[in-house]
Amino acid sequence: MRAVLIAVLLASAACTPVEMRGETPAAPPVTAACNAESLGDLVGKRASDARADVMQTRSGARTLRWIAPNTAMTMDFRPDRLNVYVDAKGRIERFTCA
């Protein structure tokens, strides 16, 4: 009987939260590593791989994502990603960083 009681006490102790001591460090601020404002002169131009390289270099983005009409996309936030919105004819409409 004692062994069962000890086992129950040990199991319940494992589920008890441990009190945190001191302050929890704050998460580092998210800084945008992308500058979409520098690409305004490319709006209306035809989308291409060569332009993708230029856009990525000029914006400072680590990744680039093409977004065409009716395209499904993830909603994850990535401040280092350049989103390039294109119309049905493949012309660049706008840019965002996310």
Protein backbone atom coordinates (compact mmCIF):
# COMPACT_ATOMS: atom_id res chain seq x y z
CA MET A 1 0.00 0.00 0.00
CA ARG A 2 2.84 2.37 0.87
CA ALA A 3 4.48 1.73 -2.48
CA VAL A 4 1.27 2.74 -4.29
CA LEU A 5 0.96 5.92 -2.20
CA ILE A 6 4.59 6.85 -2.88
CA ALA A 7 4.14 6.21 -6.62
CA VAL A 8 1.02 8.44 -6.70
CA LEU A 9 2.81 11.23 -4.82
CA LEU A 10 5.83 11.05 -7.13
CA ALA A 11 3.64 11.08 -10.24
CA SER A 12 1.65 14.10 -9.05
CA ALA A 13 4.85 15.93 -8.12
CA ALA A 14 6.08 15.53 -11.67
CA CYS A 15 3.00 17.43 -12.92
CA THR A 16 3.41 20.33 -10.51
CA PRO A 17 4.73 23.44 -12.29
CA VAL A 18 8.09 24.74 -11.20
CA GLU A 19 8.06 28.36 -10.09
CA MET A 20 10.24 30.51 -12.33
CA ARG A 21 12.71 32.68 -10.54
CA GLY A 22 13.74 36.07 -11.87
CA GLU A 23 12.50 37.72 -15.02
CA THR A 24 11.85 35.99 -18.29
CA PRO A 25 14.00 37.53 -21.01
CA ALA A 26 12.05 39.43 -23.64
CA ALA A 27 12.00 38.13 -27.18
CA PRO A 28 14.28 40.05 -29.51
CA PRO A 29 12.46 42.58 -31.70
CA VAL A 30 11.64 41.48 -35.21
CA THR A 31 13.47 43.65 -37.67
CA ALA A 32 12.53 43.75 -41.30
CA ALA A 33 15.32 42.57 -43.53
CA CYS A 34 13.42 43.61 -46.64
CA ASN A 35 12.82 47.02 -48.23
CA ALA A 36 9.93 46.86 -50.71
CA GLU A 37 9.84 50.67 -51.09
CA SER A 38 12.97 50.56 -53.21
CA LEU A 39 11.21 48.63 -55.99
CA GLY A 40 8.49 51.05 -57.13
CA ASP A 41 10.06 51.52 -60.56
CA LEU A 42 9.42 47.83 -61.36
CA VAL A 43 5.63 48.04 -61.02
CA GLY A 44 4.05 47.33 -64.41
CA LYS A 45 7.08 45.43 -65.70
CA ARG A 46 6.87 41.77 -66.75
CA ALA A 47 7.85 39.29 -64.02
CA SER A 48 10.92 37.18 -64.83
CA ASP A 49 13.71 35.27 -63.14
CA ALA A 50 16.20 38.00 -64.06
CA ARG A 51 13.96 40.61 -62.41
CA ALA A 52 13.56 38.34 -59.39
CA ASP A 53 17.33 38.43 -58.85
CA VAL A 54 17.32 42.23 -59.15
CA MET A 55 14.34 42.60 -56.78
CA GLN A 56 15.85 40.31 -54.18
CA THR A 57 19.21 42.09 -54.29
CA ARG A 58 17.76 45.60 -54.19
CA SER A 59 15.25 44.82 -51.43
CA GLY A 60 17.73 42.90 -49.28
CA ALA A 61 15.25 40.02 -48.91
CA ARG A 62 16.52 36.51 -48.24
CA THR A 63 13.64 34.90 -50.13
CA LEU A 64 11.14 35.91 -52.79
CA ARG A 65 7.59 34.67 -53.34
CA TRP A 66 5.50 35.21 -56.48
CA ILE A 67 1.78 35.73 -55.79
CA ALA A 68 -0.54 35.49 -58.80
CA PRO A 69 -4.33 36.02 -58.75
CA ASN A 70 -6.24 33.24 -56.94
CA THR A 71 -3.02 31.73 -55.60
CA ALA A 72 -3.16 30.04 -52.21
CA MET A 73 -0.38 31.11 -49.86
CA THR A 74 0.69 30.55 -46.29
CA MET A 75 0.02 33.28 -43.74
CA ASP A 76 3.30 32.95 -41.86
CA PHE A 77 5.12 36.20 -41.20
CA ARG A 78 8.67 36.38 -42.53
CA PRO A 79 10.14 39.89 -42.46
CA ASP A 80 13.01 38.74 -44.68
CA ARG A 81 10.70 37.61 -47.53
CA LEU A 82 9.69 39.76 -50.50
CA ASN A 83 6.18 39.07 -51.83
CA VAL A 84 5.75 40.03 -55.48
CA TYR A 85 2.12 40.34 -56.59
CA VAL A 86 1.57 39.84 -60.31
CA ASP A 87 -1.56 40.16 -62.45
CA ALA A 88 -3.01 37.51 -64.78
CA LYS A 89 -0.72 38.71 -67.58
CA GLY A 90 2.44 38.34 -65.48
CA ARG A 91 2.98 42.06 -64.83
CA ILE A 92 4.15 43.20 -61.39
CA GLU A 93 1.42 44.99 -59.41
CA ARG A 94 2.97 45.59 -55.99
CA PHE A 95 5.45 44.39 -53.36
CA THR A 96 5.27 43.64 -49.64
CA CYS A 97 7.69 42.28 -47.11
CA ALA A 98 6.22 39.52 -44.95
